[in-house]
Amino acid sequence: MINYKNIADINWNETKISILGGGVSGIAAGNLGRYLGANVFISDCDDAPEYIEKMSLFDYESGIHSKKILDSDLIIISPGIPDSIPIINDCKSCNIPIISEIEFASWFTTSPILALTGSNGKTTTVNLLHDMCISDGKNSFLGGNVGIPFSENVLLELKAEMTNPVHVLELSSFQLEHIQSFKPNIAGLLNISEDHMDRYKDLHDYSSKKINLTKNMDNTGYVIYNADDPILVNAFHKHEHTRVFSKHGHQKAYFKLNASKIYSGFPDNPEILFRLNETKLKGNHNLQNILAAATMANSFGISSKAIRDAIINFTPIPHRLEWVGNLNGVDYFNDSKATNIAAAHAAIESFDKQLIVIMGGIDKGHSDFSQLNSLLVNRVKHIFTYGQAGSSLKKQINPIIQVTYVEEFKSAVLQASEQSQQGDIILLSPACASFDQFSNYEERGSAFKKIFNNLELGL
């Protein structure tokens, strides 16, 4: 049996690894395992050709999770696979250790790890933190939930025999479900709000998976958390070796802001870090992201100049409150990444008035969209809902707000455009997943931009 405390003593040439899931993280873990000399078997219940092509480089099975998985010393489970599938119970009955790809990769690097989780804003924050590290002259790997598996970066580090790079990781709750010894140098927690309620029992169950990031933290590292988030405050206010960030001037925050600037150096030596009009990152939620990245970077020893330069030069991530363009005096914003209520709330809150919002897709678990009602009044002119959740959205939105349900996404966008007037803002911020009409939120955002481009061309 694998002993987490003595990884260095394991003879990988005599170790059998079964990997559940043949997606990007599963294949990356397989490549790392094979490089170490392990006997790797990959199992995926999907038999799509693109999966089979990648898995065919290994011993594999497709279309089923068979008992062959149990002939192993270690199970690596991909983040998209829940614990509820029958083969997991079989693995537990056989006492085979089950770990995440994140846990596995962490065994083979001694480089510093800056890891971040949260419900919303993770991708912008880790990209900004990654830029801060690069600006400070460090060799920084960006990985995790951004689409680059941690295992892929660790394998590159091993092959290139790199000296002391830094790993910046975005981690989802799914990726944190099966960690055992994983311990980042800096652990950041942005915020907690309901998400993935189709996978978790309740908010407590979900938040506990996020907080799992810190389970192995000790006095050699810092936990960085949002002092404006009550769940995180309750979890960490008594912990030692923590630092906070806050939009509301928490007394222990190193960075503070006013209406036009963010200052650093509190409480001993405050000075202007940058002026808000110097960054392309707009909206209150991006202030939170900036403060989180800056606090993590500062805690890791990144210079104020590198932090400032990265903030000023940062280009916003596509599909996250991305300005698409202006047509006939109407601004179009693509926030397709807003796949839950909290993310949509943050986007809508970034604008004061004359909003036309497009919402819909697949509800991620009996969401209460009425939570948005107080925000929408006097701010939103018209809402167009679409897709599988469109009817439910319409029923839950305050009746004083004009709401139109249109089944197809394209038709919803076109009708929003037809109803708009000069000075309006059309915002795609769905508050739902995309999988009814699109493969992912990127495809949905790209479709929105394509529709805008065709309108601009008169097509």
Protein backbone atom coordinates (compact mmCIF):
# COMPACT_ATOMS: atom_id res chain seq x y z
CA MET A 1 0.00 0.00 0.00
CA ILE A 2 1.16 3.54 -0.80
CA ASN A 3 2.50 5.42 2.23
CA TYR A 4 2.00 9.17 1.77
CA LYS A 5 4.74 9.96 4.29
CA ASN A 6 7.43 7.95 2.50
CA ILE A 7 6.89 8.73 -1.17
CA ALA A 8 10.65 8.85 -1.77
CA ASP A 9 10.93 5.18 -0.75
CA ILE A 10 8.40 3.89 -3.30
CA ASN A 11 9.75 1.77 -6.15
CA TRP A 12 7.55 3.05 -8.96
CA ASN A 13 8.79 0.33 -11.32
CA GLU A 14 6.83 -2.13 -9.19
CA THR A 15 3.77 0.09 -8.74
CA LYS A 16 0.44 -0.27 -10.55
CA ILE A 17 -1.59 2.92 -11.02
CA SER A 18 -5.19 3.00 -12.23
CA ILE A 19 -6.48 6.35 -13.45
CA LEU A 20 -10.21 7.07 -13.60
CA GLY A 21 -10.88 9.48 -16.45
CA GLY A 22 -9.08 9.91 -19.76
CA GLY A 23 -9.38 13.69 -19.99
CA VAL A 24 -6.52 16.15 -19.81
CA SER A 25 -5.74 15.62 -16.12
CA GLY A 26 -5.95 11.83 -16.38
CA ILE A 27 -3.62 11.70 -19.39
CA ALA A 28 -1.19 14.11 -17.71
CA ALA A 29 -1.12 11.96 -14.57
CA GLY A 30 -0.57 8.93 -16.78
CA ASN A 31 2.36 10.56 -18.52
CA LEU A 32 3.93 11.48 -15.18
CA GLY A 33 3.36 7.96 -13.83
CA ARG A 34 4.89 6.36 -16.89
CA TYR A 35 7.91 8.69 -16.69
CA LEU A 36 8.44 7.46 -13.13
CA GLY A 37 8.31 3.88 -14.36
CA ALA A 38 4.89 2.89 -13.03
CA ASN A 39 2.51 0.49 -14.77
CA VAL A 40 -0.37 2.79 -15.78
CA PHE A 41 -3.94 1.75 -16.63
CA ILE A 42 -6.56 4.34 -17.67
CA SER A 43 -10.30 3.77 -17.54
CA ASP A 44 -12.98 6.06 -18.97
CA CYS A 45 -16.69 5.32 -19.30
CA ASP A 46 -16.75 7.54 -22.41
CA ASP A 47 -15.80 5.85 -25.66
CA ALA A 48 -15.58 8.99 -27.81
CA PRO A 49 -12.80 8.73 -30.45
CA GLU A 50 -10.89 11.72 -29.08
CA TYR A 51 -10.60 10.01 -25.68
CA ILE A 52 -9.60 6.65 -27.15
CA GLU A 53 -6.88 8.25 -29.27
CA LYS A 54 -5.16 9.74 -26.20
CA MET A 55 -5.70 6.70 -23.96
CA SER A 56 -4.38 4.31 -26.61
CA LEU A 57 -0.83 5.26 -25.62
CA PHE A 58 -1.51 3.38 -22.36
CA ASP A 59 -3.15 0.16 -21.28
CA TYR A 60 -6.77 1.34 -21.21
CA GLU A 61 -10.47 0.58 -21.34
CA SER A 62 -13.32 2.74 -22.63
CA GLY A 63 -17.08 2.75 -22.25
CA ILE A 64 -16.87 1.06 -18.84
CA HIS A 65 -15.20 1.12 -15.43
CA SER A 66 -14.39 -2.58 -14.98
CA LYS A 67 -12.95 -4.59 -12.09
CA LYS A 68 -9.56 -4.37 -13.81
CA ILE A 69 -9.21 -1.01 -12.04
CA LEU A 70 -8.91 -2.90 -8.76
CA ASP A 71 -5.65 -4.54 -9.83
CA SER A 72 -3.65 -1.53 -8.67
CA ASP A 73 -1.71 -0.06 -5.77
CA LEU A 74 -3.08 3.47 -6.27
CA ILE A 75 -6.15 5.09 -7.82
CA ILE A 76 -5.96 8.59 -9.31
CA ILE A 77 -9.44 10.02 -9.82
CA SER A 78 -10.08 12.81 -12.31
CA PRO A 79 -11.96 15.86 -10.97
CA GLY A 80 -15.03 15.36 -13.15
CA ILE A 81 -15.76 11.96 -11.62
CA PRO A 82 -17.84 11.97 -8.40
CA ASP A 83 -17.34 9.57 -5.50
CA SER A 84 -20.85 8.23 -6.00
CA ILE A 85 -19.99 5.88 -8.90
CA PRO A 86 -20.01 2.17 -7.95
CA ILE A 87 -16.35 1.46 -8.77
CA ILE A 88 -15.25 3.93 -6.08
CA ASN A 89 -17.04 1.88 -3.43
CA ASP A 90 -15.25 -1.20 -4.76
CA CYS A 91 -11.89 0.61 -4.51
CA LYS A 92 -12.64 1.61 -0.92
CA SER A 93 -13.66 -1.95 -0.06
CA CYS A 94 -10.29 -3.15 -1.37
CA ASN A 95 -8.50 -0.42 0.65
CA ILE A 96 -6.84 0.97 -2.46
CA PRO A 97 -5.73 4.59 -1.84
CA ILE A 98 -7.68 7.12 -3.91
CA ILE A 99 -6.05 10.48 -4.63
CA SER A 100 -6.47 13.44 -6.95
CA GLU A 101 -4.15 14.35 -9.82
CA ILE A 102 -3.16 17.41 -7.78
CA GLU A 103 -2.05 15.23 -4.86
CA PHE A 104 -0.12 12.88 -7.15
CA ALA A 105 1.78 15.66 -8.93
CA SER A 106 2.70 17.34 -5.64
CA TRP A 107 4.71 14.28 -4.60
CA PHE A 108 7.33 14.98 -7.26
CA THR A 109 8.17 18.64 -6.83
CA THR A 110 9.90 20.49 -4.03
CA SER A 111 9.29 23.87 -5.69
CA PRO A 112 7.10 26.51 -4.02
CA ILE A 113 3.36 26.19 -4.65
CA LEU A 114 0.94 29.15 -4.60
CA ALA A 115 -2.56 27.66 -4.71
CA LEU A 116 -5.90 29.44 -4.90
CA THR A 117 -9.49 28.32 -4.64
CA GLY A 118 -12.88 30.05 -4.38
CA SER A 119 -16.27 30.14 -6.04
CA ASN A 120 -15.68 33.06 -8.41
CA GLY A 121 -12.73 35.00 -9.77
CA LYS A 122 -10.13 32.23 -9.52
CA THR A 123 -8.89 32.31 -13.11
CA THR A 124 -8.34 36.06 -13.26
CA THR A 125 -6.61 35.99 -9.87
CA VAL A 126 -4.19 33.16 -10.63
CA ASN A 127 -3.31 34.62 -14.03
CA LEU A 128 -2.57 37.93 -12.33
CA LEU A 129 -0.52 36.18 -9.61
CA HIS A 130 1.38 34.26 -12.29
CA ASP A 131 2.18 37.56 -14.05
CA MET A 132 3.39 39.04 -10.75
CA CYS A 133 5.81 36.13 -10.31
CA ILE A 134 7.11 36.50 -13.87
CA SER A 135 7.43 40.27 -13.43
CA ASP A 136 9.62 39.54 -10.41
CA GLY A 137 11.93 37.38 -12.53
CA LYS A 138 10.72 33.97 -11.38
CA ASN A 139 10.15 30.88 -13.52
CA SER A 140 6.41 30.46 -12.99
CA PHE A 141 4.23 27.54 -14.07
CA LEU A 142 0.48 28.24 -14.26
CA GLY A 143 -1.66 25.14 -13.85
CA GLY A 144 -4.58 23.32 -12.31
CA ASN A 145 -8.13 24.29 -13.18
CA VAL A 146 -6.94 26.71 -15.89
CA GLY A 147 -6.64 23.77 -18.30
CA ILE A 148 -2.98 22.88 -17.75
CA PRO A 149 -2.73 19.89 -15.39
CA PHE A 150 -0.33 20.20 -12.46
CA SER A 151 1.14 16.83 -13.51
CA GLU A 152 2.04 18.24 -16.92
CA ASN A 153 3.97 21.11 -15.37
CA VAL A 154 5.71 18.88 -12.82
CA LEU A 155 6.76 16.48 -15.59
CA LEU A 156 8.20 19.38 -17.57
CA GLU A 157 10.05 20.55 -14.46
CA LEU A 158 11.54 17.08 -13.96
CA LYS A 159 12.55 16.60 -17.57
CA ALA A 160 14.12 20.05 -17.85
CA GLU A 161 15.82 19.69 -14.45
CA MET A 162 14.67 23.20 -13.61
CA THR A 163 15.97 24.87 -10.48
CA ASN A 164 13.34 26.24 -8.13
CA PRO A 165 10.46 27.33 -10.34
CA VAL A 166 7.16 28.32 -8.70
CA HIS A 167 3.84 26.59 -9.35
CA VAL A 168 0.75 28.83 -9.39
CA LEU A 169 -2.39 26.69 -9.19
CA GLU A 170 -6.09 27.36 -9.60
CA LEU A 171 -7.94 24.60 -7.76
CA SER A 172 -11.60 23.64 -7.89
CA SER A 173 -13.56 21.92 -5.15
CA PHE A 174 -13.49 18.75 -7.29
CA GLN A 175 -9.69 18.80 -7.38
CA LEU A 176 -9.52 19.23 -3.61
CA GLU A 177 -11.75 16.27 -2.73
CA HIS A 178 -8.93 13.71 -2.68
CA ILE A 179 -5.84 15.44 -1.33
CA GLN A 180 -3.87 13.80 1.47
CA SER A 181 -0.48 15.44 1.99
CA PHE A 182 -0.71 18.33 -0.50
CA LYS A 183 0.61 21.47 1.20
CA PRO A 184 1.08 24.75 -0.69
CA ASN A 185 3.46 27.43 0.54
CA ILE A 186 0.70 30.01 0.11
CA ALA A 187 -2.97 28.95 0.18
CA GLY A 188 -5.47 31.56 -1.01
CA LEU A 189 -9.25 31.50 -0.56
CA LEU A 190 -11.18 34.09 -2.56
CA ASN A 191 -14.82 33.61 -1.60
CA ILE A 192 -17.47 30.96 -0.93
CA SER A 193 -20.96 30.94 -2.43
CA GLU A 194 -23.32 28.22 -3.63
CA ASP A 195 -22.04 26.32 -6.65
CA HIS A 196 -22.16 22.73 -7.90
CA MET A 197 -25.15 21.93 -5.72
CA ASP A 198 -25.82 19.07 -8.13
CA ARG A 199 -22.71 17.38 -6.66
CA TYR A 200 -22.73 18.47 -3.01
CA LYS A 201 -25.30 17.97 -0.27
CA ASP A 202 -25.35 21.59 0.81
CA LEU A 203 -23.24 24.74 1.13
CA HIS A 204 -21.36 23.34 4.13
CA ASP A 205 -20.39 20.22 2.18
CA TYR A 206 -19.19 22.36 -0.73
CA SER A 207 -17.28 24.87 1.41
CA SER A 208 -15.55 22.09 3.34
CA LYS A 209 -14.03 20.85 0.06
CA LYS A 210 -12.70 24.34 -0.67
CA ILE A 211 -11.25 24.70 2.82
CA ASN A 212 -9.60 21.30 2.32
CA LEU A 213 -6.87 23.30 0.56
CA THR A 214 -5.51 24.30 3.97
CA LYS A 215 -5.75 20.94 5.78
CA ASN A 216 -1.96 20.44 5.87
CA MET A 217 -0.87 24.04 6.35
CA ASP A 218 1.56 24.83 9.17
CA ASN A 219 3.78 27.69 10.28
CA THR A 220 5.98 27.34 7.19
CA GLY A 221 3.31 28.96 4.99
CA TYR A 222 0.42 31.41 4.94
CA VAL A 223 -3.32 31.04 4.53
CA ILE A 224 -4.60 34.13 2.71
CA TYR A 225 -8.35 34.67 2.98
CA ASN A 226 -11.07 37.19 2.20
CA ALA A 227 -11.98 39.03 5.39
CA ASP A 228 -15.24 40.18 3.73
CA ASP A 229 -16.52 36.61 3.38
CA PRO A 230 -18.35 35.38 6.51
CA ILE A 231 -17.77 31.68 5.80
CA LEU A 232 -14.02 32.21 5.48
CA VAL A 233 -13.88 34.50 8.50
CA ASN A 234 -15.62 31.84 10.58
CA ALA A 235 -13.21 29.19 9.32
CA PHE A 236 -9.93 31.08 9.79
CA HIS A 237 -10.25 33.99 12.24
CA LYS A 238 -8.61 31.94 15.02
CA HIS A 239 -5.93 30.39 12.86
CA GLU A 240 -2.31 31.44 13.13
CA HIS A 241 -0.18 32.22 10.07
CA THR A 242 -3.00 33.88 8.17
CA ARG A 243 -3.17 37.14 6.27
CA VAL A 244 -6.28 38.85 4.96
CA PHE A 245 -7.40 40.94 2.04
CA SER A 246 -10.48 43.14 2.10
CA LYS A 247 -12.29 45.70 -0.03
CA HIS A 248 -13.61 47.31 3.14
CA GLY A 249 -10.42 48.35 4.88
CA HIS A 250 -9.90 45.51 7.35
CA GLN A 251 -7.38 46.65 9.94
CA LYS A 252 -5.04 43.71 9.33
CA ALA A 253 -4.99 44.03 5.52
CA TYR A 254 -1.64 45.02 4.00
CA PHE A 255 -3.38 46.56 0.96
CA LYS A 256 -6.22 49.07 1.22
CA LEU A 257 -8.24 51.02 -1.31
CA ASN A 258 -10.27 54.18 -1.66
CA ALA A 259 -12.35 55.48 -4.56
CA SER A 260 -9.37 55.98 -6.85
CA LYS A 261 -6.31 54.12 -5.55
CA ILE A 262 -4.97 51.00 -3.88
CA TYR A 263 -2.33 51.54 -1.20
CA SER A 264 0.27 49.07 0.08
CA GLY A 265 2.34 48.87 3.23
CA PHE A 266 -0.27 49.08 5.97
CA PRO A 267 0.03 49.69 8.83
CA ASP A 268 3.67 50.78 8.98
CA ASN A 269 4.58 52.37 5.65
CA PRO A 270 1.55 53.10 3.42
CA GLU A 271 2.20 54.24 -0.14
CA ILE A 272 0.26 54.29 -3.41
CA LEU A 273 0.53 50.96 -5.23
CA PHE A 274 -1.44 52.08 -8.31
CA ARG A 275 -4.43 54.17 -9.38
CA LEU A 276 -7.58 52.34 -10.40
CA ASN A 277 -7.70 54.07 -13.79
CA GLU A 278 -4.31 52.49 -14.61
CA THR A 279 -5.70 48.93 -14.89
CA LYS A 280 -7.95 47.31 -17.49
CA LEU A 281 -9.54 45.18 -14.78
CA LYS A 282 -12.90 46.80 -14.06
CA GLY A 283 -15.66 46.08 -11.56
CA ASN A 284 -15.83 45.54 -7.80
CA HIS A 285 -15.18 41.82 -8.15
CA ASN A 286 -11.89 42.54 -9.91
CA LEU A 287 -10.81 44.75 -7.01
CA GLN A 288 -11.20 41.66 -4.85
CA ASN A 289 -9.16 39.62 -7.35
CA ILE A 290 -6.39 42.24 -7.43
CA LEU A 291 -6.20 42.41 -3.63
CA ALA A 292 -6.08 38.63 -3.34
CA ALA A 293 -3.31 38.23 -5.92
CA ALA A 294 -1.32 41.12 -4.46
CA THR A 295 -1.57 39.76 -0.91
CA MET A 296 -0.50 36.27 -2.00
CA ALA A 297 2.39 37.72 -4.02
CA ASN A 298 3.52 39.98 -1.17
CA SER A 299 3.38 37.05 1.25
CA PHE A 300 5.65 35.12 -1.11
CA GLY A 301 8.15 37.98 -1.22
CA ILE A 302 7.27 39.44 -4.63
CA SER A 303 8.32 43.10 -4.86
CA SER A 304 5.79 45.94 -4.91
CA LYS A 305 7.14 47.05 -8.30
CA ALA A 306 6.51 43.62 -9.82
CA ILE A 307 3.00 43.55 -8.30
CA ARG A 308 2.23 47.02 -9.67
CA ASP A 309 3.64 46.30 -13.13
CA ALA A 310 1.62 43.10 -13.45
CA ILE A 311 -1.62 44.84 -12.45
CA ILE A 312 -1.13 47.72 -14.87
CA ASN A 313 -0.11 45.51 -17.81
CA PHE A 314 -2.69 42.75 -17.23
CA THR A 315 -5.08 41.93 -20.07
CA PRO A 316 -8.49 40.67 -18.85
CA ILE A 317 -9.22 36.97 -19.40
CA PRO A 318 -11.71 36.18 -22.21
CA HIS A 319 -15.30 35.43 -21.17
CA ARG A 320 -14.91 37.21 -17.82
CA LEU A 321 -16.65 40.57 -18.11
CA GLU A 322 -14.90 40.95 -21.45
CA TRP A 323 -15.78 44.07 -23.44
CA VAL A 324 -16.66 42.85 -26.93
CA GLY A 325 -17.34 46.19 -28.61
CA ASN A 326 -19.79 49.04 -29.19
CA LEU A 327 -22.50 48.93 -31.84
CA ASN A 328 -24.89 51.84 -32.41
CA GLY A 329 -23.94 53.31 -29.04
CA VAL A 330 -24.53 50.03 -27.18
CA ASP A 331 -21.69 48.29 -25.30
CA TYR A 332 -21.59 44.49 -25.37
CA PHE A 333 -19.94 42.53 -22.53
CA ASN A 334 -19.21 38.79 -22.55
CA ASP A 335 -19.30 37.24 -19.07
CA SER A 336 -20.03 33.67 -20.15
CA LYS A 337 -17.83 32.35 -17.33
CA ALA A 338 -20.51 33.51 -14.86
CA THR A 339 -21.99 30.04 -14.40
CA ASN A 340 -23.51 30.62 -10.96
CA ILE A 341 -25.60 33.25 -9.18
CA ALA A 342 -22.72 34.86 -7.27
CA ALA A 343 -20.70 35.37 -10.45
CA ALA A 344 -23.66 36.94 -12.25
CA HIS A 345 -24.33 39.13 -9.21
CA ALA A 346 -20.75 40.43 -9.32
CA ALA A 347 -20.99 41.22 -13.04
CA ILE A 348 -24.35 43.00 -12.83
CA GLU A 349 -23.16 44.97 -9.80
CA SER A 350 -20.32 46.36 -11.93
CA PHE A 351 -22.82 48.53 -13.86
CA ASP A 352 -25.15 51.22 -12.57
CA LYS A 353 -28.02 51.37 -15.06
CA GLN A 354 -29.41 50.74 -18.55
CA LEU A 355 -28.53 47.06 -18.47
CA ILE A 356 -29.99 44.40 -20.75
CA VAL A 357 -28.94 41.02 -19.38
CA ILE A 358 -28.91 37.61 -21.08
CA MET A 359 -29.20 34.72 -18.64
CA GLY A 360 -29.82 30.99 -18.92
CA GLY A 361 -28.42 27.58 -19.74
CA ILE A 362 -28.48 24.67 -17.28
CA ASP A 363 -29.18 25.24 -13.59
CA LYS A 364 -26.38 23.71 -11.49
CA GLY A 365 -28.73 22.52 -8.76
CA HIS A 366 -32.09 24.10 -7.81
CA SER A 367 -30.67 27.62 -7.73
CA ASP A 368 -32.68 30.41 -6.11
CA PHE A 369 -32.42 33.09 -8.80
CA SER A 370 -34.65 35.39 -6.76
CA GLN A 371 -31.49 36.24 -4.79
CA LEU A 372 -30.71 38.65 -7.63
CA ASN A 373 -33.95 40.61 -7.43
CA SER A 374 -32.88 43.42 -5.12
CA LEU A 375 -29.82 44.03 -7.31
CA LEU A 376 -31.79 44.10 -10.55
CA VAL A 377 -34.30 46.81 -9.59
CA ASN A 378 -33.40 50.27 -10.99
CA ARG A 379 -30.36 48.77 -12.70
CA VAL A 380 -31.72 46.38 -15.32
CA LYS A 381 -34.09 47.40 -18.12
CA HIS A 382 -34.78 44.01 -19.61
CA ILE A 383 -33.69 40.40 -19.09
CA PHE A 384 -33.68 37.79 -21.84
CA THR A 385 -33.60 34.22 -20.52
CA TYR A 386 -32.87 31.20 -22.66
CA GLY A 387 -32.26 27.48 -22.54
CA GLN A 388 -33.16 24.77 -20.08
CA ALA A 389 -33.23 27.07 -17.06
CA GLY A 390 -34.81 30.00 -18.91
CA SER A 391 -38.40 29.39 -17.80
CA SER A 392 -37.44 28.92 -14.15
CA LEU A 393 -35.34 32.08 -14.27
CA LYS A 394 -38.24 34.07 -15.67
CA LYS A 395 -40.61 32.87 -12.93
CA GLN A 396 -38.21 33.79 -10.13
CA ILE A 397 -37.28 37.28 -11.30
CA ASN A 398 -39.13 40.26 -9.80
CA PRO A 399 -42.26 40.90 -11.94
CA ILE A 400 -41.56 44.65 -12.09
CA ILE A 401 -38.58 43.82 -14.36
CA GLN A 402 -39.36 43.02 -17.97
CA VAL A 403 -38.32 39.43 -18.75
CA THR A 404 -38.55 37.61 -22.07
CA TYR A 405 -37.91 33.89 -22.45
CA VAL A 406 -36.40 32.77 -25.74
CA GLU A 407 -35.43 29.12 -26.12
CA GLU A 408 -32.39 29.50 -28.41
CA PHE A 409 -29.32 31.43 -27.29
CA LYS A 410 -28.78 33.17 -30.64
CA SER A 411 -32.37 34.40 -30.74
CA ALA A 412 -32.05 35.77 -27.21
CA VAL A 413 -28.95 37.77 -28.17
CA LEU A 414 -30.53 39.07 -31.37
CA GLN A 415 -33.71 40.15 -29.56
CA ALA A 416 -31.63 41.88 -26.90
CA SER A 417 -29.84 43.77 -29.65
CA GLU A 418 -33.13 44.76 -31.30
CA GLN A 419 -34.52 46.07 -28.01
CA SER A 420 -31.41 48.08 -27.14
CA GLN A 421 -31.03 51.84 -27.45
CA GLN A 422 -28.04 54.15 -27.48
CA GLY A 423 -26.39 54.20 -24.05
CA ASP A 424 -27.55 50.70 -23.11
CA ILE A 425 -25.27 47.86 -22.07
CA ILE A 426 -25.92 44.29 -23.22
CA LEU A 427 -24.41 41.87 -20.73
CA LEU A 428 -24.16 38.12 -21.18
CA SER A 429 -23.94 36.85 -17.60
CA PRO A 430 -25.83 33.56 -17.61
CA ALA A 431 -25.77 32.45 -13.92
CA CYS A 432 -26.01 28.91 -15.34
CA ALA A 433 -23.83 26.25 -16.93
CA SER A 434 -23.65 26.10 -20.72
CA PHE A 435 -24.11 22.41 -21.45
CA ASP A 436 -27.63 22.49 -22.88
CA GLN A 437 -26.64 24.31 -26.10
CA PHE A 438 -22.82 24.48 -25.87
CA SER A 439 -19.86 22.27 -24.99
CA ASN A 440 -18.54 24.76 -22.43
CA TYR A 441 -18.71 28.39 -21.37
CA GLU A 442 -15.91 29.31 -23.82
CA GLU A 443 -17.99 28.11 -26.75
CA ARG A 444 -20.97 30.08 -25.47
CA GLY A 445 -18.88 33.24 -25.08
CA SER A 446 -17.38 32.79 -28.53
CA ALA A 447 -20.87 32.40 -30.00
CA PHE A 448 -21.88 35.67 -28.35
CA LYS A 449 -18.86 37.43 -29.86
CA LYS A 450 -19.57 35.92 -33.28
CA ILE A 451 -23.15 37.19 -33.17
CA PHE A 452 -21.85 40.66 -32.30
CA ASN A 453 -19.35 40.55 -35.16
CA ASN A 454 -22.07 39.54 -37.62
CA LEU A 455 -24.31 42.38 -36.39
CA GLU A 456 -21.41 44.77 -36.85
CA LEU A 457 -20.99 43.53 -40.44
CA GLY A 458 -24.74 43.76 -41.08
CA LEU A 459 -25.07 40.00 -41.57
